[in-house]
Amino acid sequence: MSLTILDADKQIINGPLVTTHNGFTGGDYQMLIFLKNQHPEFYYHDVKLKIEMSDLIEGEIFSNSGWSIKLKYGSEQPTEKQWGDILVNNEISIPDIGNQYIPDTDTYHPIWIRVFCPGHTTPDIKKDMSCVLKFFRKLVGDSQ
């Protein structure tokens, strides 16, 4: 894939996203990831990202286990109020990465992820999350 997902240290994420949670108290875990173009021959538009969990039913707000995920694009870590204004299990849009003249292989696009674990559940290391990335890829210099 030409678009790469990187962790907060800007290292490539090859496996699933992993978070740890105290199931007794519940609560959230926040992480920062980046999206970056690695190939100068392409640019991307209509980029969308969603995180899926194995027990999340399409169209439902929470997973069967009560866990949820929120996403926010931006360099600043969202405040509690900002997180509160975001619908759970949302899909976010990422600004176009490059254009028909310039591929933009320099920009790290920041994405904040908040995974919520309900209280009184089994303590868990959440490993069943995967990134679903949708985009249109075009060749730089192609006018169509």
N, C-alpha and C. Protein backbone atom coordinates (compact mmCIF):
# COMPACT_ATOMS: atom_id res chain seq x y z
N MET A 1 0.84 -1.17 0.00
CA MET A 1 0.00 0.00 0.00
C MET A 1 0.89 1.24 0.00
N SER A 2 0.48 2.23 -0.72
CA SER A 2 1.28 3.45 -0.82
C SER A 2 1.11 4.36 0.37
N LEU A 3 -0.06 4.36 1.00
CA LEU A 3 -0.25 5.11 2.23
C LEU A 3 0.15 4.22 3.40
N THR A 4 0.91 4.78 4.32
CA THR A 4 1.43 4.00 5.43
C THR A 4 0.86 4.54 6.74
N ILE A 5 0.54 3.63 7.65
CA ILE A 5 0.07 4.00 8.98
C ILE A 5 1.25 3.84 9.94
N LEU A 6 1.53 4.91 10.69
CA LEU A 6 2.68 4.96 11.59
C LEU A 6 2.22 5.20 13.02
N ASP A 7 3.00 4.73 13.99
CA ASP A 7 2.68 4.97 15.40
C ASP A 7 3.16 6.36 15.80
N ALA A 8 3.01 6.71 17.07
CA ALA A 8 3.37 8.04 17.57
C ALA A 8 4.86 8.34 17.40
N ASP A 9 5.69 7.28 17.34
CA ASP A 9 7.12 7.46 17.12
C ASP A 9 7.47 7.46 15.64
N LYS A 10 6.45 7.46 14.80
CA LYS A 10 6.59 7.48 13.33
C LYS A 10 7.26 6.22 12.79
N GLN A 11 6.96 5.10 13.47
CA GLN A 11 7.40 3.78 13.01
C GLN A 11 6.21 3.07 12.37
N ILE A 12 6.45 2.32 11.31
CA ILE A 12 5.37 1.64 10.59
C ILE A 12 4.67 0.63 11.50
N ILE A 13 3.34 0.66 11.48
CA ILE A 13 2.53 -0.31 12.22
C ILE A 13 2.25 -1.47 11.26
N ASN A 14 2.80 -2.63 11.56
CA ASN A 14 2.61 -3.79 10.69
C ASN A 14 1.50 -4.72 11.16
N GLY A 15 1.19 -4.69 12.44
CA GLY A 15 0.17 -5.58 12.98
C GLY A 15 -1.07 -4.81 13.38
N PRO A 16 -1.90 -5.43 14.22
CA PRO A 16 -3.12 -4.76 14.68
C PRO A 16 -2.79 -3.64 15.67
N LEU A 17 -3.73 -2.72 15.86
CA LEU A 17 -3.60 -1.72 16.90
C LEU A 17 -3.82 -2.43 18.23
N VAL A 18 -3.02 -2.10 19.24
CA VAL A 18 -3.11 -2.77 20.54
C VAL A 18 -3.21 -1.71 21.63
N THR A 19 -4.18 -1.90 22.56
CA THR A 19 -4.32 -1.04 23.72
C THR A 19 -4.52 -1.90 24.96
N THR A 20 -4.22 -1.35 26.13
CA THR A 20 -4.45 -2.09 27.38
C THR A 20 -5.43 -1.31 28.24
N HIS A 21 -6.25 -2.04 29.02
CA HIS A 21 -7.31 -1.41 29.79
C HIS A 21 -7.51 -2.10 31.12
N ASN A 22 -7.90 -1.32 32.12
CA ASN A 22 -8.30 -1.85 33.41
C ASN A 22 -9.80 -2.10 33.33
N GLY A 23 -10.19 -3.35 33.19
CA GLY A 23 -11.60 -3.68 33.02
C GLY A 23 -12.44 -3.40 34.25
N PHE A 24 -11.83 -3.43 35.46
CA PHE A 24 -12.61 -3.20 36.67
C PHE A 24 -13.14 -1.77 36.71
N THR A 25 -12.25 -0.81 36.48
CA THR A 25 -12.67 0.60 36.52
C THR A 25 -13.17 1.10 35.18
N GLY A 26 -12.77 0.45 34.11
CA GLY A 26 -13.12 0.94 32.78
C GLY A 26 -12.31 2.18 32.45
N GLY A 27 -12.64 2.83 31.40
CA GLY A 27 -11.95 4.05 31.02
C GLY A 27 -11.45 4.02 29.60
N ASP A 28 -10.71 5.05 29.27
CA ASP A 28 -10.27 5.17 27.89
C ASP A 28 -8.75 5.08 27.77
N TYR A 29 -8.33 4.79 26.55
CA TYR A 29 -6.91 4.77 26.18
C TYR A 29 -6.81 5.60 24.91
N GLN A 30 -5.93 6.59 24.91
CA GLN A 30 -5.78 7.45 23.74
C GLN A 30 -4.42 7.22 23.10
N MET A 31 -4.42 7.23 21.78
CA MET A 31 -3.16 7.07 21.07
C MET A 31 -3.15 7.96 19.82
N LEU A 32 -1.96 8.26 19.39
CA LEU A 32 -1.75 9.06 18.19
C LEU A 32 -1.12 8.17 17.13
N ILE A 33 -1.68 8.22 15.93
CA ILE A 33 -1.07 7.55 14.79
C ILE A 33 -0.94 8.58 13.67
N PHE A 34 -0.19 8.22 12.65
CA PHE A 34 0.00 9.11 11.51
C PHE A 34 -0.28 8.35 10.22
N LEU A 35 -0.71 9.09 9.22
CA LEU A 35 -0.89 8.57 7.87
C LEU A 35 0.07 9.34 6.98
N LYS A 36 0.81 8.61 6.12
CA LYS A 36 1.83 9.27 5.29
C LYS A 36 1.92 8.59 3.93
N ASN A 37 2.13 9.41 2.92
CA ASN A 37 2.36 8.91 1.56
C ASN A 37 3.84 8.53 1.44
N GLN A 38 4.11 7.31 1.03
CA GLN A 38 5.48 6.82 0.89
C GLN A 38 5.97 6.78 -0.55
N HIS A 39 5.08 7.04 -1.51
CA HIS A 39 5.45 6.88 -2.92
C HIS A 39 5.20 8.16 -3.71
N PRO A 40 6.26 8.77 -4.22
CA PRO A 40 6.12 10.07 -4.90
C PRO A 40 5.39 10.03 -6.24
N GLU A 41 5.09 8.86 -6.75
CA GLU A 41 4.37 8.82 -8.02
C GLU A 41 2.86 8.96 -7.86
N PHE A 42 2.36 8.96 -6.61
CA PHE A 42 0.92 9.00 -6.38
C PHE A 42 0.50 10.17 -5.49
N TYR A 43 -0.74 10.59 -5.67
CA TYR A 43 -1.41 11.48 -4.72
C TYR A 43 -2.77 10.87 -4.41
N TYR A 44 -3.40 11.34 -3.32
CA TYR A 44 -4.62 10.70 -2.81
C TYR A 44 -5.68 11.74 -2.50
N HIS A 45 -6.92 11.42 -2.82
CA HIS A 45 -8.02 12.29 -2.43
C HIS A 45 -9.20 11.45 -1.94
N ASP A 46 -10.13 12.12 -1.28
CA ASP A 46 -11.27 11.46 -0.63
C ASP A 46 -10.79 10.35 0.30
N VAL A 47 -9.82 10.68 1.14
CA VAL A 47 -9.24 9.71 2.08
C VAL A 47 -10.14 9.62 3.32
N LYS A 48 -10.51 8.41 3.70
CA LYS A 48 -11.35 8.17 4.87
C LYS A 48 -10.75 7.04 5.69
N LEU A 49 -10.86 7.15 7.02
CA LEU A 49 -10.33 6.14 7.92
C LEU A 49 -11.39 5.76 8.94
N LYS A 50 -11.47 4.48 9.22
CA LYS A 50 -12.35 3.94 10.25
C LYS A 50 -11.60 2.81 10.93
N ILE A 51 -11.86 2.63 12.21
CA ILE A 51 -11.27 1.51 12.95
C ILE A 51 -12.39 0.50 13.20
N GLU A 52 -12.13 -0.75 12.92
CA GLU A 52 -13.12 -1.80 13.15
C GLU A 52 -12.63 -2.74 14.24
N MET A 53 -13.60 -3.24 15.01
CA MET A 53 -13.34 -4.26 16.02
C MET A 53 -14.10 -5.52 15.61
N SER A 54 -13.61 -6.66 16.01
CA SER A 54 -14.22 -7.92 15.58
C SER A 54 -15.65 -8.08 16.07
N ASP A 55 -16.01 -7.48 17.21
CA ASP A 55 -17.36 -7.67 17.73
C ASP A 55 -18.28 -6.47 17.50
N LEU A 56 -17.88 -5.58 16.60
CA LEU A 56 -18.72 -4.43 16.28
C LEU A 56 -19.64 -4.79 15.12
N ILE A 57 -20.92 -4.58 15.31
CA ILE A 57 -21.91 -4.86 14.28
C ILE A 57 -22.13 -3.59 13.48
N GLU A 58 -22.07 -3.69 12.16
CA GLU A 58 -22.24 -2.54 11.27
C GLU A 58 -23.54 -1.82 11.60
N GLY A 59 -23.46 -0.52 11.77
CA GLY A 59 -24.62 0.29 12.06
C GLY A 59 -24.93 0.44 13.54
N GLU A 60 -24.28 -0.34 14.40
CA GLU A 60 -24.50 -0.25 15.84
C GLU A 60 -23.52 0.76 16.44
N ILE A 61 -23.90 1.36 17.54
CA ILE A 61 -23.05 2.35 18.18
C ILE A 61 -21.94 1.69 18.98
N PHE A 62 -22.27 0.71 19.79
CA PHE A 62 -21.27 0.03 20.61
C PHE A 62 -21.09 -1.41 20.13
N SER A 63 -19.96 -1.99 20.45
CA SER A 63 -19.73 -3.40 20.15
C SER A 63 -20.57 -4.25 21.11
N ASN A 64 -20.63 -5.53 20.86
CA ASN A 64 -21.37 -6.43 21.75
C ASN A 64 -20.81 -6.38 23.17
N SER A 65 -19.53 -6.10 23.31
CA SER A 65 -18.90 -6.06 24.62
C SER A 65 -18.97 -4.69 25.29
N GLY A 66 -19.49 -3.67 24.58
CA GLY A 66 -19.60 -2.32 25.13
C GLY A 66 -18.41 -1.43 24.83
N TRP A 67 -17.39 -1.97 24.19
CA TRP A 67 -16.23 -1.18 23.84
C TRP A 67 -16.61 -0.22 22.71
N SER A 68 -15.90 0.90 22.61
CA SER A 68 -16.14 1.83 21.51
C SER A 68 -14.84 2.53 21.12
N ILE A 69 -14.87 3.13 19.95
CA ILE A 69 -13.70 3.82 19.42
C ILE A 69 -14.16 5.16 18.85
N LYS A 70 -13.34 6.20 19.06
CA LYS A 70 -13.58 7.51 18.46
C LYS A 70 -12.30 7.94 17.76
N LEU A 71 -12.44 8.64 16.65
CA LEU A 71 -11.31 9.15 15.88
C LEU A 71 -11.42 10.65 15.72
N LYS A 72 -10.27 11.32 15.69
CA LYS A 72 -10.23 12.76 15.42
C LYS A 72 -8.94 13.08 14.68
N TYR A 73 -9.07 13.84 13.60
CA TYR A 73 -7.92 14.29 12.83
C TYR A 73 -7.42 15.60 13.42
N GLY A 74 -6.10 15.73 13.57
CA GLY A 74 -5.53 17.00 14.02
C GLY A 74 -4.29 16.80 14.87
N SER A 75 -3.47 17.83 14.93
CA SER A 75 -2.19 17.74 15.64
C SER A 75 -2.35 17.86 17.15
N GLU A 76 -3.41 18.50 17.62
CA GLU A 76 -3.63 18.67 19.06
C GLU A 76 -4.45 17.52 19.62
N GLN A 77 -4.04 16.99 20.77
CA GLN A 77 -4.81 15.95 21.43
C GLN A 77 -6.16 16.53 21.84
N PRO A 78 -7.26 15.87 21.47
CA PRO A 78 -8.58 16.41 21.80
C PRO A 78 -8.82 16.49 23.30
N THR A 79 -9.59 17.50 23.70
CA THR A 79 -10.00 17.65 25.09
C THR A 79 -11.17 16.70 25.36
N GLU A 80 -11.54 16.56 26.63
CA GLU A 80 -12.70 15.72 26.97
C GLU A 80 -13.96 16.24 26.30
N LYS A 81 -14.12 17.56 26.24
CA LYS A 81 -15.29 18.13 25.57
C LYS A 81 -15.29 17.79 24.09
N GLN A 82 -14.14 17.91 23.43
CA GLN A 82 -14.06 17.57 22.01
C GLN A 82 -14.38 16.09 21.79
N TRP A 83 -13.82 15.21 22.63
CA TRP A 83 -14.15 13.79 22.50
C TRP A 83 -15.65 13.58 22.70
N GLY A 84 -16.24 14.32 23.64
CA GLY A 84 -17.67 14.18 23.91
C GLY A 84 -18.55 14.56 22.73
N ASP A 85 -18.05 15.43 21.88
CA ASP A 85 -18.82 15.86 20.70
C ASP A 85 -18.69 14.91 19.51
N ILE A 86 -17.85 13.89 19.62
CA ILE A 86 -17.62 12.96 18.52
C ILE A 86 -18.46 11.70 18.72
N LEU A 87 -19.14 11.27 17.68
CA LEU A 87 -19.91 10.03 17.74
C LEU A 87 -18.97 8.84 17.81
N VAL A 88 -19.38 7.80 18.54
CA VAL A 88 -18.54 6.61 18.65
C VAL A 88 -18.51 5.85 17.33
N ASN A 89 -17.42 5.12 17.13
CA ASN A 89 -17.21 4.30 15.94
C ASN A 89 -17.39 5.10 14.65
N ASN A 90 -16.85 6.31 14.68
CA ASN A 90 -16.98 7.22 13.55
C ASN A 90 -15.93 6.96 12.47
N GLU A 91 -16.21 7.49 11.31
CA GLU A 91 -15.25 7.48 10.20
C GLU A 91 -14.82 8.92 10.01
N ILE A 92 -13.52 9.15 9.80
CA ILE A 92 -13.04 10.52 9.60
C ILE A 92 -12.51 10.70 8.19
N SER A 93 -12.55 11.94 7.75
CA SER A 93 -11.98 12.32 6.46
C SER A 93 -10.62 12.94 6.70
N ILE A 94 -9.68 12.58 5.86
CA ILE A 94 -8.32 13.12 5.92
C ILE A 94 -8.18 14.07 4.73
N PRO A 95 -7.55 15.24 4.93
CA PRO A 95 -7.35 16.13 3.78
C PRO A 95 -6.59 15.42 2.65
N ASP A 96 -6.82 15.88 1.43
CA ASP A 96 -6.11 15.29 0.28
C ASP A 96 -4.61 15.28 0.56
N ILE A 97 -3.97 14.23 0.13
CA ILE A 97 -2.53 14.07 0.32
C ILE A 97 -1.88 14.26 -1.04
N GLY A 98 -1.41 15.47 -1.28
CA GLY A 98 -0.85 15.83 -2.57
C GLY A 98 -1.93 16.27 -3.54
N ASN A 99 -1.50 16.49 -4.78
CA ASN A 99 -2.43 16.84 -5.86
C ASN A 99 -1.82 16.39 -7.18
N GLN A 100 -2.45 16.73 -8.27
CA GLN A 100 -1.96 16.21 -9.55
C GLN A 100 -0.57 16.72 -9.92
N TYR A 101 -0.08 17.75 -9.21
CA TYR A 101 1.24 18.31 -9.51
C TYR A 101 2.30 17.91 -8.48
N ILE A 102 1.88 17.69 -7.22
CA ILE A 102 2.82 17.42 -6.14
C ILE A 102 2.30 16.24 -5.32
N PRO A 103 3.13 15.23 -5.07
CA PRO A 103 2.65 14.04 -4.35
C PRO A 103 2.53 14.20 -2.84
N ASP A 104 3.28 15.09 -2.21
CA ASP A 104 3.35 15.29 -0.76
C ASP A 104 3.75 14.01 -0.02
N THR A 105 5.03 13.77 -0.02
CA THR A 105 5.58 12.63 0.73
C THR A 105 6.22 13.10 2.04
N ASP A 106 6.03 14.37 2.40
CA ASP A 106 6.64 14.93 3.60
C ASP A 106 5.70 15.01 4.80
N THR A 107 4.41 15.19 4.57
CA THR A 107 3.46 15.46 5.64
C THR A 107 3.06 14.19 6.39
N TYR A 108 3.11 14.28 7.71
CA TYR A 108 2.57 13.23 8.59
C TYR A 108 1.19 13.70 9.02
N HIS A 109 0.15 13.00 8.62
CA HIS A 109 -1.22 13.38 8.94
C HIS A 109 -1.61 12.75 10.28
N PRO A 110 -1.81 13.59 11.34
CA PRO A 110 -2.06 13.07 12.69
C PRO A 110 -3.52 12.65 12.90
N ILE A 111 -3.69 11.50 13.52
CA ILE A 111 -5.01 10.97 13.83
C ILE A 111 -5.01 10.49 15.27
N TRP A 112 -5.94 10.99 16.06
CA TRP A 112 -6.08 10.59 17.45
C TRP A 112 -7.14 9.50 17.54
N ILE A 113 -6.84 8.48 18.33
CA ILE A 113 -7.77 7.36 18.54
C ILE A 113 -8.05 7.26 20.03
N ARG A 114 -9.32 7.14 20.37
CA ARG A 114 -9.72 6.95 21.78
C ARG A 114 -10.53 5.65 21.85
N VAL A 115 -10.00 4.68 22.57
CA VAL A 115 -10.67 3.40 22.76
C VAL A 115 -11.23 3.39 24.17
N PHE A 116 -12.53 3.13 24.30
CA PHE A 116 -13.19 3.12 25.60
C PHE A 116 -13.55 1.71 26.01
N CYS A 117 -13.22 1.36 27.25
CA CYS A 117 -13.55 0.07 27.85
C CYS A 117 -14.58 0.31 28.95
N PRO A 118 -15.73 -0.37 28.91
CA PRO A 118 -16.71 -0.18 29.98
C PRO A 118 -16.21 -0.79 31.29
N GLY A 119 -16.66 -0.24 32.42
CA GLY A 119 -16.28 -0.77 33.72
C GLY A 119 -16.90 -2.14 33.97
N HIS A 120 -16.31 -2.85 34.90
CA HIS A 120 -16.77 -4.18 35.31
C HIS A 120 -16.74 -5.18 34.17
N THR A 121 -15.72 -5.09 33.35
CA THR A 121 -15.50 -6.08 32.30
C THR A 121 -14.15 -6.74 32.57
N THR A 122 -13.87 -7.79 31.87
CA THR A 122 -12.61 -8.49 32.04
C THR A 122 -11.46 -7.58 31.61
N PRO A 123 -10.41 -7.44 32.46
CA PRO A 123 -9.25 -6.67 32.03
C PRO A 123 -8.75 -7.24 30.71
N ASP A 124 -8.34 -6.39 29.83
CA ASP A 124 -8.07 -6.88 28.48
C ASP A 124 -6.95 -6.10 27.82
N ILE A 125 -6.27 -6.79 26.95
CA ILE A 125 -5.40 -6.16 25.97
C ILE A 125 -6.18 -6.25 24.68
N LYS A 126 -6.62 -5.12 24.18
CA LYS A 126 -7.47 -5.09 22.99
C LYS A 126 -6.58 -5.24 21.76
N LYS A 127 -6.78 -6.34 21.03
CA LYS A 127 -5.94 -6.62 19.87
C LYS A 127 -6.75 -6.87 18.60
N ASP A 128 -8.05 -6.72 18.65
CA ASP A 128 -8.87 -7.07 17.50
C ASP A 128 -9.32 -5.85 16.70
N MET A 129 -8.52 -4.78 16.72
CA MET A 129 -8.86 -3.56 15.99
C MET A 129 -8.04 -3.49 14.70
N SER A 130 -8.70 -3.11 13.64
CA SER A 130 -7.99 -2.95 12.37
C SER A 130 -8.41 -1.65 11.69
N CYS A 131 -7.50 -1.07 10.96
CA CYS A 131 -7.75 0.17 10.24
C CYS A 131 -8.37 -0.15 8.88
N VAL A 132 -9.44 0.55 8.56
CA VAL A 132 -10.05 0.45 7.23
C VAL A 132 -9.83 1.81 6.57
N LEU A 133 -9.01 1.81 5.55
CA LEU A 133 -8.61 3.03 4.86
C LEU A 133 -9.18 3.00 3.46
N LYS A 134 -9.94 4.04 3.10
CA LYS A 134 -10.51 4.16 1.76
C LYS A 134 -9.95 5.42 1.12
N PHE A 135 -9.65 5.35 -0.16
CA PHE A 135 -9.10 6.52 -0.85
C PHE A 135 -9.14 6.30 -2.35
N PHE A 136 -8.96 7.38 -3.07
CA PHE A 136 -8.74 7.34 -4.52
C PHE A 136 -7.29 7.69 -4.75
N ARG A 137 -6.57 6.82 -5.42
CA ARG A 137 -5.15 7.03 -5.70
C ARG A 137 -5.01 7.39 -7.17
N LYS A 138 -4.23 8.44 -7.43
CA LYS A 138 -4.01 8.85 -8.82
C LYS A 138 -2.52 9.14 -9.04
N LEU A 139 -2.13 9.03 -10.27
CA LEU A 139 -0.75 9.32 -10.65
C LEU A 139 -0.51 10.82 -10.68
N VAL A 140 0.59 11.27 -10.10
CA VAL A 140 0.97 12.66 -10.19
C VAL A 140 1.24 12.96 -11.66
N GLY A 141 0.74 14.09 -12.13
CA GLY A 141 0.91 14.48 -13.52
C GLY A 141 -0.23 14.03 -14.42
N ASP A 142 -1.12 13.17 -13.90
CA ASP A 142 -2.27 12.70 -14.67
C ASP A 142 -3.39 13.71 -14.50
N SER A 143 -3.88 14.28 -15.57
CA SER A 143 -4.90 15.34 -15.50
C SER A 143 -6.32 14.80 -15.40
N GLN A 144 -6.51 13.49 -15.39
CA GLN A 144 -7.88 12.94 -15.33
C GLN A 144 -8.31 12.66 -13.94
